Amino acid sequence: MRYRQAAAFTLLELLIAIAIFALLGLASYRMLSTVLASDEALRRQEQQLRELVRGMAALERDLAQAGARPVRDGYGEPQAALRGDSEQGMLEFTRLGWRNPTGQPRSQWQRVRWQYRDGQLQRVYWNVLDRAQDSPPQQQVVLPALDGLRLAFLDDNQQWLDSWPADDSARQRARLPRAVRLVLQHPRYGELERVLRLPDNPAQSPLGNPEEAP
């Protein structure tokens, strides 16, 4: 009686098969890693875009409500209704329309400051207009990653200034520029420029200028 010899893989064939499966597994892993990395990069890009859109919309809403209401700082010194400095990356002003759904004992006016600090675009606000030394500011991070911020202010002579107000007189402290130009240096989107027009006839607080406040 003859016995058929059982078919078997040789050692070389096994090694070749193992190598092929290993290469397929490595290729699949690299492909999966690439897909996951691309997905994560896309999510980060979408998040940065949402942050940018929300941040610019918030700044535009603030400036659209700007009012000619000078204030006093924590040391009693008068501050302009709007003041800003391109070198410092700072824009501070008084705005109307601060919502108060819980009926807190506060004004509908709000003092806000937009500033470039520590590689971020921040929004700072106070619960009172004419501050005392113990009036703490509230800070919000609007853009967690920013490389720079430049500002310019359009005066009545159609001239762009690097700072506002043009002088420290009481009259100038109560005036607003015609527009504000912002140039943001974004780490992903590069240089972004917005020109935001301010109200032609801004509302004025019944409290008047800070010199008239008690």
C-alpha atoms as a PDB file:
ATOM      1  CA  MET A   1       0.000   0.000   0.000  1.00  0.00           C
ATOM      2  CA  ARG A   2       1.299   3.429  -0.914  1.00  0.00           C
ATOM      3  CA  TYR A   3       0.893   6.413   1.405  1.00  0.00           C
ATOM      4  CA  ARG A   4       0.552   9.904  -0.099  1.00  0.00           C
ATOM      5  CA  GLN A   5       3.110  12.242   1.394  1.00  0.00           C
ATOM      6  CA  ALA A   6       1.407  15.092   3.316  1.00  0.00           C
ATOM      7  CA  ALA A   7       2.042  18.538   1.850  1.00  0.00           C
ATOM      8  CA  ALA A   8       3.978  20.807   4.198  1.00  0.00           C
ATOM      9  CA  PHE A   9       5.526  24.261   4.130  1.00  0.00           C
ATOM     10  CA  THR A  10       9.230  24.435   4.124  1.00  0.00           C
ATOM     11  CA  LEU A  11      11.009  26.718   6.574  1.00  0.00           C
ATOM     12  CA  LEU A  12      11.817  29.138   3.790  1.00  0.00           C
ATOM     13  CA  GLU A  13       8.169  29.351   2.745  1.00  0.00           C
ATOM     14  CA  LEU A  14       7.112  30.015   6.336  1.00  0.00           C
ATOM     15  CA  LEU A  15       9.672  32.788   6.678  1.00  0.00           C
ATOM     16  CA  ILE A  16       8.503  34.362   3.428  1.00  0.00           C
ATOM     17  CA  ALA A  17       4.849  34.201   4.531  1.00  0.00           C
ATOM     18  CA  ILE A  18       5.679  35.718   7.913  1.00  0.00           C
ATOM     19  CA  ALA A  19       7.637  38.516   6.225  1.00  0.00           C
ATOM     20  CA  ILE A  20       4.753  39.254   3.844  1.00  0.00           C
ATOM     21  CA  PHE A  21       2.224  39.423   6.694  1.00  0.00           C
ATOM     22  CA  ALA A  22       4.598  41.617   8.703  1.00  0.00           C
ATOM     23  CA  LEU A  23       4.972  44.029   5.783  1.00  0.00           C
ATOM     24  CA  LEU A  24       1.209  44.112   5.266  1.00  0.00           C
ATOM     25  CA  GLY A  25       0.684  44.799   8.969  1.00  0.00           C
ATOM     26  CA  LEU A  26       3.293  47.575   8.953  1.00  0.00           C
ATOM     27  CA  ALA A  27       1.759  49.158   5.854  1.00  0.00           C
ATOM     28  CA  SER A  28      -1.711  49.003   7.405  1.00  0.00           C
ATOM     29  CA  TYR A  29      -0.413  50.553  10.642  1.00  0.00           C
ATOM     30  CA  ARG A  30       1.290  53.379   8.785  1.00  0.00           C
ATOM     31  CA  MET A  31      -1.812  54.006   6.714  1.00  0.00           C
ATOM     32  CA  LEU A  32      -3.972  54.075   9.832  1.00  0.00           C
ATOM     33  CA  SER A  33      -1.514  56.400  11.585  1.00  0.00           C
ATOM     34  CA  THR A  34      -1.543  58.739   8.577  1.00  0.00           C
ATOM     35  CA  VAL A  35      -5.339  58.785   8.492  1.00  0.00           C
ATOM     36  CA  LEU A  36      -5.554  59.459  12.240  1.00  0.00           C
ATOM     37  CA  ALA A  37      -2.920  62.203  12.046  1.00  0.00           C
ATOM     38  CA  SER A  38      -4.716  63.840   9.119  1.00  0.00           C
ATOM     39  CA  ASP A  39      -8.014  63.644  10.978  1.00  0.00           C
ATOM     40  CA  GLU A  40      -6.470  65.213  14.086  1.00  0.00           C
ATOM     41  CA  ALA A  41      -4.866  67.986  12.017  1.00  0.00           C
ATOM     42  CA  LEU A  42      -8.203  68.667  10.322  1.00  0.00           C
ATOM     43  CA  ARG A  43      -9.942  68.852  13.692  1.00  0.00           C
ATOM     44  CA  ARG A  44      -7.352  71.302  15.005  1.00  0.00           C
ATOM     45  CA  GLN A  45      -7.738  73.418  11.882  1.00  0.00           C
ATOM     46  CA  GLU A  46     -11.527  73.434  12.208  1.00  0.00           C
ATOM     47  CA  GLN A  47     -11.257  74.350  15.895  1.00  0.00           C
ATOM     48  CA  GLN A  48      -8.876  77.228  15.142  1.00  0.00           C
ATOM     49  CA  LEU A  49     -11.191  78.464  12.408  1.00  0.00           C
ATOM     50  CA  ARG A  50     -14.208  78.358  14.749  1.00  0.00           C
ATOM     51  CA  GLU A  51     -12.242  80.209  17.434  1.00  0.00           C
ATOM     52  CA  LEU A  52     -11.188  82.842  14.912  1.00  0.00           C
ATOM     53  CA  VAL A  53     -14.709  83.371  13.571  1.00  0.00           C
ATOM     54  CA  ARG A  54     -16.231  83.549  17.069  1.00  0.00           C
ATOM     55  CA  GLY A  55     -13.511  85.876  18.310  1.00  0.00           C
ATOM     56  CA  MET A  56     -13.846  88.336  15.445  1.00  0.00           C
ATOM     57  CA  ALA A  57     -17.637  88.272  15.756  1.00  0.00           C
ATOM     58  CA  ALA A  58     -17.378  89.062  19.486  1.00  0.00           C
ATOM     59  CA  LEU A  59     -14.983  91.952  18.864  1.00  0.00           C
ATOM     60  CA  GLU A  60     -17.218  93.319  16.118  1.00  0.00           C
ATOM     61  CA  ARG A  61     -20.252  93.161  18.443  1.00  0.00           C
ATOM     62  CA  ASP A  62     -18.353  95.014  21.144  1.00  0.00           C
ATOM     63  CA  LEU A  63     -17.225  97.794  18.809  1.00  0.00           C
ATOM     64  CA  ALA A  64     -20.675  98.101  17.235  1.00  0.00           C
ATOM     65  CA  GLN A  65     -21.970  98.998  20.738  1.00  0.00           C
ATOM     66  CA  ALA A  66     -19.154 101.441  21.562  1.00  0.00           C
ATOM     67  CA  GLY A  67     -20.283 104.576  23.362  1.00  0.00           C
ATOM     68  CA  ALA A  68     -18.764 107.957  24.198  1.00  0.00           C
ATOM     69  CA  ARG A  69     -18.438 107.270  27.914  1.00  0.00           C
ATOM     70  CA  PRO A  70     -15.054 108.075  29.497  1.00  0.00           C
ATOM     71  CA  VAL A  71     -14.290 106.359  32.801  1.00  0.00           C
ATOM     72  CA  ARG A  72     -11.958 106.564  35.773  1.00  0.00           C
ATOM     73  CA  ASP A  73      -9.366 103.905  36.486  1.00  0.00           C
ATOM     74  CA  GLY A  74      -8.610 102.388  39.875  1.00  0.00           C
ATOM     75  CA  TYR A  75      -6.554 105.432  40.875  1.00  0.00           C
ATOM     76  CA  GLY A  76      -9.233 107.953  39.940  1.00  0.00           C
ATOM     77  CA  GLU A  77      -7.484 109.037  36.743  1.00  0.00           C
ATOM     78  CA  PRO A  78      -9.730 109.811  33.743  1.00  0.00           C
ATOM     79  CA  GLN A  79      -9.583 107.349  30.861  1.00  0.00           C
ATOM     80  CA  ALA A  80     -10.852 107.976  27.332  1.00  0.00           C
ATOM     81  CA  ALA A  81     -14.083 106.454  26.090  1.00  0.00           C
ATOM     82  CA  LEU A  82     -11.858 104.483  23.728  1.00  0.00           C
ATOM     83  CA  ARG A  83      -8.133 104.150  24.041  1.00  0.00           C
ATOM     84  CA  GLY A  84      -5.757 101.941  22.158  1.00  0.00           C
ATOM     85  CA  ASP A  85      -2.123 101.477  21.299  1.00  0.00           C
ATOM     86  CA  SER A  86      -0.731  99.408  18.449  1.00  0.00           C
ATOM     87  CA  GLU A  87       2.660  98.897  20.081  1.00  0.00           C
ATOM     88  CA  GLN A  88       1.041  97.540  23.238  1.00  0.00           C
ATOM     89  CA  GLY A  89      -1.519  95.481  21.301  1.00  0.00           C
ATOM     90  CA  MET A  90      -4.346  96.925  23.409  1.00  0.00           C
ATOM     91  CA  LEU A  91      -7.833  98.287  22.710  1.00  0.00           C
ATOM     92  CA  GLU A  92     -10.053  99.401  25.606  1.00  0.00           C
ATOM     93  CA  PHE A  93     -13.455 101.073  25.387  1.00  0.00           C
ATOM     94  CA  THR A  94     -16.916 101.422  26.886  1.00  0.00           C
ATOM     95  CA  ARG A  95     -19.775  99.553  25.271  1.00  0.00           C
ATOM     96  CA  LEU A  96     -23.533  99.588  25.705  1.00  0.00           C
ATOM     97  CA  GLY A  97     -25.900  96.629  25.685  1.00  0.00           C
ATOM     98  CA  TRP A  98     -24.439  94.481  28.454  1.00  0.00           C
ATOM     99  CA  ARG A  99     -27.137  91.896  28.977  1.00  0.00           C
ATOM    100  CA  ASN A 100     -28.401  91.341  32.498  1.00  0.00           C
ATOM    101  CA  PRO A 101     -30.794  88.359  32.461  1.00  0.00           C
ATOM    102  CA  THR A 102     -30.492  87.755  36.228  1.00  0.00           C
ATOM    103  CA  GLY A 103     -31.191  91.379  37.188  1.00  0.00           C
ATOM    104  CA  GLN A 104     -27.851  92.083  38.858  1.00  0.00           C
ATOM    105  CA  PRO A 105     -27.443  95.584  40.362  1.00  0.00           C
ATOM    106  CA  ARG A 106     -25.144  96.912  37.649  1.00  0.00           C
ATOM    107  CA  SER A 107     -25.127  99.217  34.637  1.00  0.00           C
ATOM    108  CA  GLN A 108     -25.923  98.139  31.103  1.00  0.00           C
ATOM    109  CA  TRP A 109     -22.625  99.790  30.180  1.00  0.00           C
ATOM    110  CA  GLN A 110     -19.483  97.686  30.259  1.00  0.00           C
ATOM    111  CA  ARG A 111     -15.804  98.519  30.108  1.00  0.00           C
ATOM    112  CA  VAL A 112     -13.886  96.005  27.990  1.00  0.00           C
ATOM    113  CA  ARG A 113     -10.295  95.615  26.907  1.00  0.00           C
ATOM    114  CA  TRP A 114      -9.022  93.504  24.040  1.00  0.00           C
ATOM    115  CA  GLN A 115      -5.334  92.768  24.345  1.00  0.00           C
ATOM    116  CA  TYR A 116      -2.523  90.644  22.947  1.00  0.00           C
ATOM    117  CA  ARG A 117      -0.732  89.009  25.861  1.00  0.00           C
ATOM    118  CA  ASP A 118       1.341  85.849  26.274  1.00  0.00           C
ATOM    119  CA  GLY A 119       0.699  84.736  22.700  1.00  0.00           C
ATOM    120  CA  GLN A 120      -3.076  85.012  23.144  1.00  0.00           C
ATOM    121  CA  LEU A 121      -5.911  87.347  22.220  1.00  0.00           C
ATOM    122  CA  GLN A 122      -7.696  88.123  25.482  1.00  0.00           C
ATOM    123  CA  ARG A 123     -10.889  89.954  26.372  1.00  0.00           C
ATOM    124  CA  VAL A 124     -10.944  91.637  29.771  1.00  0.00           C
ATOM    125  CA  TYR A 125     -13.964  93.334  31.328  1.00  0.00           C
ATOM    126  CA  TRP A 126     -14.969  94.954  34.602  1.00  0.00           C
ATOM    127  CA  ASN A 127     -18.258  94.807  36.479  1.00  0.00           C
ATOM    128  CA  VAL A 128     -18.145  98.575  37.094  1.00  0.00           C
ATOM    129  CA  LEU A 129     -17.249 101.525  34.889  1.00  0.00           C
ATOM    130  CA  ASP A 130     -15.476 103.891  37.276  1.00  0.00           C
ATOM    131  CA  ARG A 131     -13.254 101.420  39.055  1.00  0.00           C
ATOM    132  CA  ALA A 132     -11.799 101.322  42.514  1.00  0.00           C
ATOM    133  CA  GLN A 133      -8.435  99.741  43.270  1.00  0.00           C
ATOM    134  CA  ASP A 134     -10.205  96.589  44.428  1.00  0.00           C
ATOM    135  CA  SER A 135     -12.326  96.222  41.255  1.00  0.00           C
ATOM    136  CA  PRO A 136     -11.086  92.910  39.841  1.00  0.00           C
ATOM    137  CA  PRO A 137     -11.057  92.390  36.067  1.00  0.00           C
ATOM    138  CA  GLN A 138     -12.532  89.283  34.472  1.00  0.00           C
ATOM    139  CA  GLN A 139     -10.403  87.725  31.748  1.00  0.00           C
ATOM    140  CA  GLN A 140     -11.419  85.525  28.823  1.00  0.00           C
ATOM    141  CA  VAL A 141      -9.077  83.845  26.337  1.00  0.00           C
ATOM    142  CA  VAL A 142     -10.541  84.439  22.866  1.00  0.00           C
ATOM    143  CA  LEU A 143      -7.711  83.059  20.707  1.00  0.00           C
ATOM    144  CA  PRO A 144      -5.301  80.760  22.574  1.00  0.00           C
ATOM    145  CA  ALA A 145      -2.676  81.022  19.818  1.00  0.00           C
ATOM    146  CA  LEU A 146      -1.740  84.320  18.179  1.00  0.00           C
ATOM    147  CA  ASP A 147       1.607  85.657  16.960  1.00  0.00           C
ATOM    148  CA  GLY A 148       0.829  89.367  16.995  1.00  0.00           C
ATOM    149  CA  LEU A 149      -1.719  92.196  16.881  1.00  0.00           C
ATOM    150  CA  ARG A 150      -1.434  95.640  15.310  1.00  0.00           C
ATOM    151  CA  LEU A 151      -4.000  98.433  15.538  1.00  0.00           C
ATOM    152  CA  ALA A 152      -4.744 101.690  13.741  1.00  0.00           C
ATOM    153  CA  PHE A 153      -7.398 104.342  14.341  1.00  0.00           C
ATOM    154  CA  LEU A 154      -9.057 106.494  11.682  1.00  0.00           C
ATOM    155  CA  ASP A 155      -9.572 110.125  12.697  1.00  0.00           C
ATOM    156  CA  ASP A 156     -11.890 112.777  11.220  1.00  0.00           C
ATOM    157  CA  ASN A 157      -9.181 113.806   8.745  1.00  0.00           C
ATOM    158  CA  GLN A 158      -9.049 110.294   7.272  1.00  0.00           C
ATOM    159  CA  GLN A 159      -5.638 109.718   8.823  1.00  0.00           C
ATOM    160  CA  TRP A 160      -4.665 106.418  10.416  1.00  0.00           C
ATOM    161  CA  LEU A 161      -3.075 106.782  13.855  1.00  0.00           C
ATOM    162  CA  ASP A 162      -1.136 104.177  15.830  1.00  0.00           C
ATOM    163  CA  SER A 163      -2.740 105.214  19.121  1.00  0.00           C
ATOM    164  CA  TRP A 164      -5.946 106.801  20.408  1.00  0.00           C
ATOM    165  CA  PRO A 165      -6.935 109.375  21.566  1.00  0.00           C
ATOM    166  CA  ALA A 166      -4.818 111.826  19.622  1.00  0.00           C
ATOM    167  CA  ASP A 167      -4.311 113.925  22.774  1.00  0.00           C
ATOM    168  CA  ASP A 168      -5.326 113.804  26.426  1.00  0.00           C
ATOM    169  CA  SER A 169      -7.822 116.665  26.409  1.00  0.00           C
ATOM    170  CA  ALA A 170     -11.278 116.123  27.897  1.00  0.00           C
ATOM    171  CA  ARG A 171     -12.822 116.678  24.467  1.00  0.00           C
ATOM    172  CA  GLN A 172     -10.665 114.010  22.848  1.00  0.00           C
ATOM    173  CA  ARG A 173     -11.299 111.561  25.678  1.00  0.00           C
ATOM    174  CA  ALA A 174     -15.010 111.678  24.824  1.00  0.00           C
ATOM    175  CA  ARG A 175     -14.481 111.129  21.088  1.00  0.00           C
ATOM    176  CA  LEU A 176     -14.328 107.866  19.179  1.00  0.00           C
ATOM    177  CA  PRO A 177     -12.353 107.176  16.012  1.00  0.00           C
ATOM    178  CA  ARG A 178     -14.299 106.649  12.817  1.00  0.00           C
ATOM    179  CA  ALA A 179     -12.942 103.131  12.418  1.00  0.00           C
ATOM    180  CA  VAL A 180     -10.467 100.676  13.900  1.00  0.00           C
ATOM    181  CA  ARG A 181      -8.133  98.565  11.792  1.00  0.00           C
ATOM    182  CA  LEU A 182      -6.886  95.298  13.240  1.00  0.00           C
ATOM    183  CA  VAL A 183      -4.096  93.185  11.769  1.00  0.00           C
ATOM    184  CA  LEU A 184      -3.788  89.766  13.384  1.00  0.00           C
ATOM    185  CA  GLN A 185      -0.800  87.514  12.795  1.00  0.00           C
ATOM    186  CA  HIS A 186      -2.286  84.021  13.036  1.00  0.00           C
ATOM    187  CA  PRO A 187      -0.006  80.945  13.270  1.00  0.00           C
ATOM    188  CA  ARG A 188      -2.083  79.011  10.711  1.00  0.00           C
ATOM    189  CA  TYR A 189      -3.791  81.628   8.536  1.00  0.00           C
ATOM    190  CA  GLY A 190      -1.045  84.227   8.440  1.00  0.00           C
ATOM    191  CA  GLU A 191      -1.857  87.949   8.368  1.00  0.00           C
ATOM    192  CA  LEU A 192      -5.537  88.783   8.690  1.00  0.00           C
ATOM    193  CA  GLU A 193      -6.837  92.347   8.434  1.00  0.00           C
ATOM    194  CA  ARG A 194     -10.217  93.723   9.469  1.00  0.00           C
ATOM    195  CA  VAL A 195     -11.478  97.298   9.352  1.00  0.00           C
ATOM    196  CA  LEU A 196     -14.383  97.855  11.730  1.00  0.00           C
ATOM    197  CA  ARG A 197     -16.426 101.027  11.533  1.00  0.00           C
ATOM    198  CA  LEU A 198     -17.625 102.581  14.765  1.00  0.00           C
ATOM    199  CA  PRO A 199     -21.060 104.168  15.303  1.00  0.00           C
ATOM    200  CA  ASP A 200     -21.445 107.590  13.691  1.00  0.00           C
ATOM    201  CA  ASN A 201     -23.422 108.938  16.658  1.00  0.00           C
ATOM    202  CA  PRO A 202     -22.431 106.755  19.595  1.00  0.00           C
ATOM    203  CA  ALA A 203     -24.665 106.630  22.614  1.00  0.00           C
ATOM    204  CA  GLN A 204     -23.590 108.610  25.651  1.00  0.00           C
ATOM    205  CA  SER A 205     -24.006 107.549  29.234  1.00  0.00           C
ATOM    206  CA  PRO A 206     -26.200 109.796  31.375  1.00  0.00           C
ATOM    207  CA  LEU A 207     -23.320 109.827  33.822  1.00  0.00           C
ATOM    208  CA  GLY A 208     -21.386 112.075  31.428  1.00  0.00           C
ATOM    209  CA  ASN A 209     -17.645 112.563  31.524  1.00  0.00           C
ATOM    210  CA  PRO A 210     -15.620 111.218  34.426  1.00  0.00           C
ATOM    211  CA  GLU A 211     -14.897 114.769  35.558  1.00  0.00           C
ATOM    212  CA  GLU A 212     -18.614 115.070  36.308  1.00  0.00           C
ATOM    213  CA  ALA A 213     -18.874 111.802  38.200  1.00  0.00           C
ATOM    214  CA  PRO A 214     -18.930 112.052  41.985  1.00  0.00           C
END
